[in-house]
Amino acid sequence: MDALNKLNVLSLVLSAVLVAMACVKSDRVRSWRENINPSAPDLPDSAFVAARVVFLGLAGVGVYLAVQGFGVSDDASWSDGELTSAVQQATDDLNGYTFRPTTGAPLSGSPATRP
């Protein structure tokens, strides 16, 4: 798996974590908060609704970017047919020609007439 695919999978995992965070009930968060800091002021329900909207929005963006990234990764990779064709064309273009090491220009004469 290449680096781009690993990044896309990581994005999907983080999106799943964000969805899981959005599914936590507000009573449970309030009890955790009460245990950690008993003197903290109580949070209104609107804060939990806003947090859920933000979490789900970020998860949606993460999934969208991961799907786009998988498309980019697929377009960037070479298929076996493309690779074979490119190598065949390159070897056909270079077959029989000798190049000067300094200029890169081919020597005069066709491959059939050279010794």
Protein backbone atom coordinates (compact mmCIF):
# COMPACT_ATOMS: atom_id res chain seq x y z
CA MET A 1 0.00 0.00 0.00
CA ASP A 2 1.49 3.34 -1.00
CA ALA A 3 1.57 6.45 1.14
CA LEU A 4 -1.48 8.06 -0.46
CA ASN A 5 -3.65 5.02 0.19
CA LYS A 6 -2.45 4.91 3.81
CA LEU A 7 -3.40 8.57 4.18
CA ASN A 8 -6.85 7.89 2.72
CA VAL A 9 -7.44 4.96 5.07
CA LEU A 10 -6.33 7.14 8.00
CA SER A 11 -8.83 9.78 6.91
CA LEU A 12 -11.63 7.21 6.88
CA VAL A 13 -10.66 5.96 10.35
CA LEU A 14 -10.60 9.50 11.74
CA SER A 15 -13.99 10.16 10.14
CA ALA A 16 -15.37 7.07 11.88
CA VAL A 17 -13.97 8.35 15.20
CA LEU A 18 -15.66 11.71 14.63
CA VAL A 19 -18.99 10.00 13.95
CA ALA A 20 -18.57 7.96 17.13
CA MET A 21 -17.86 11.14 19.07
CA ALA A 22 -21.03 12.70 17.67
CA CYS A 23 -23.05 9.71 18.89
CA VAL A 24 -22.04 10.07 22.56
CA LYS A 25 -25.01 11.16 24.68
CA SER A 26 -24.86 14.55 26.36
CA ASP A 27 -25.69 13.03 29.79
CA ARG A 28 -22.59 10.85 29.60
CA VAL A 29 -20.41 13.83 28.66
CA ARG A 30 -21.88 15.86 31.51
CA SER A 31 -21.13 13.07 33.99
CA TRP A 32 -17.54 12.72 32.72
CA ARG A 33 -17.11 16.47 32.97
CA GLU A 34 -18.57 16.47 36.48
CA ASN A 35 -16.08 13.78 37.57
CA ILE A 36 -13.10 15.62 36.08
CA ASN A 37 -14.00 19.15 37.18
CA PRO A 38 -16.91 19.36 39.63
CA SER A 39 -16.87 23.18 39.78
CA ALA A 40 -17.24 23.64 35.99
CA PRO A 41 -20.42 25.36 34.81
CA ASP A 42 -23.06 23.23 33.13
CA LEU A 43 -23.12 23.23 29.32
CA PRO A 44 -26.36 24.01 27.48
CA ASP A 45 -27.92 21.51 25.07
CA SER A 46 -27.18 23.87 22.16
CA ALA A 47 -23.45 23.34 22.73
CA PHE A 48 -23.88 19.60 22.23
CA VAL A 49 -25.97 20.14 19.09
CA ALA A 50 -23.32 22.48 17.67
CA ALA A 51 -20.57 19.97 18.51
CA ARG A 52 -22.49 17.17 16.80
CA VAL A 53 -22.96 19.29 13.67
CA VAL A 54 -19.25 20.14 13.61
CA PHE A 55 -18.19 16.51 14.17
CA LEU A 56 -20.49 15.18 11.46
CA GLY A 57 -19.47 17.94 9.06
CA LEU A 58 -15.79 17.18 9.57
CA ALA A 59 -16.46 13.45 9.15
CA GLY A 60 -18.27 14.13 5.89
CA VAL A 61 -15.38 16.23 4.59
CA GLY A 62 -12.94 13.49 5.62
CA VAL A 63 -14.89 10.80 3.77
CA TYR A 64 -15.20 13.02 0.67
CA LEU A 65 -11.47 13.74 0.64
CA ALA A 66 -10.62 10.06 1.16
CA VAL A 67 -12.80 9.02 -1.79
CA GLN A 68 -11.20 11.72 -3.95
CA GLY A 69 -7.77 10.60 -2.77
CA PHE A 70 -8.47 6.99 -3.73
CA GLY A 71 -9.42 8.25 -7.20
CA VAL A 72 -6.18 10.22 -7.48
CA SER A 73 -4.19 7.22 -6.30
CA ASP A 74 -5.87 5.01 -8.88
CA ASP A 75 -5.24 7.51 -11.69
CA ALA A 76 -1.61 7.95 -10.69
CA SER A 77 -0.76 4.25 -10.78
CA TRP A 78 0.30 2.48 -13.95
CA SER A 79 -1.60 -0.52 -15.18
CA ASP A 80 0.34 -3.50 -16.56
CA GLY A 81 -0.75 -2.69 -20.12
CA GLU A 82 0.36 0.94 -19.86
CA LEU A 83 3.72 -0.01 -18.42
CA THR A 84 4.34 -2.69 -21.05
CA SER A 85 3.38 -0.31 -23.85
CA ALA A 86 5.63 2.47 -22.53
CA VAL A 87 8.62 0.15 -22.19
CA GLN A 88 8.03 -1.34 -25.65
CA GLN A 89 7.80 2.10 -27.24
CA ALA A 90 10.94 3.30 -25.46
CA THR A 91 12.94 0.26 -26.54
CA ASP A 92 11.67 0.57 -30.13
CA ASP A 93 12.69 4.25 -30.21
CA LEU A 94 16.18 3.51 -28.87
CA ASN A 95 16.78 0.24 -30.72
CA GLY A 96 19.83 0.40 -32.98
CA TYR A 97 20.84 4.02 -32.39
CA THR A 98 24.14 4.90 -30.75
CA PHE A 99 24.31 8.25 -29.03
CA ARG A 100 27.32 10.45 -28.45
CA PRO A 101 27.94 10.73 -24.71
CA THR A 102 28.58 14.49 -24.80
CA THR A 103 25.77 15.82 -27.00
CA GLY A 104 23.20 13.04 -26.97
CA ALA A 105 22.82 13.32 -30.75
CA PRO A 106 22.62 10.11 -32.76
CA LEU A 107 25.56 9.12 -34.96
CA SER A 108 25.03 9.55 -38.68
CA GLY A 109 23.70 6.68 -40.71
CA SER A 110 20.87 4.27 -40.17
CA PRO A 111 21.26 1.23 -37.91
CA ALA A 112 21.32 -1.09 -40.90
CA THR A 113 24.27 0.66 -42.61
CA ARG A 114 26.50 0.99 -39.56
CA PRO A 115 28.99 -1.78 -38.80
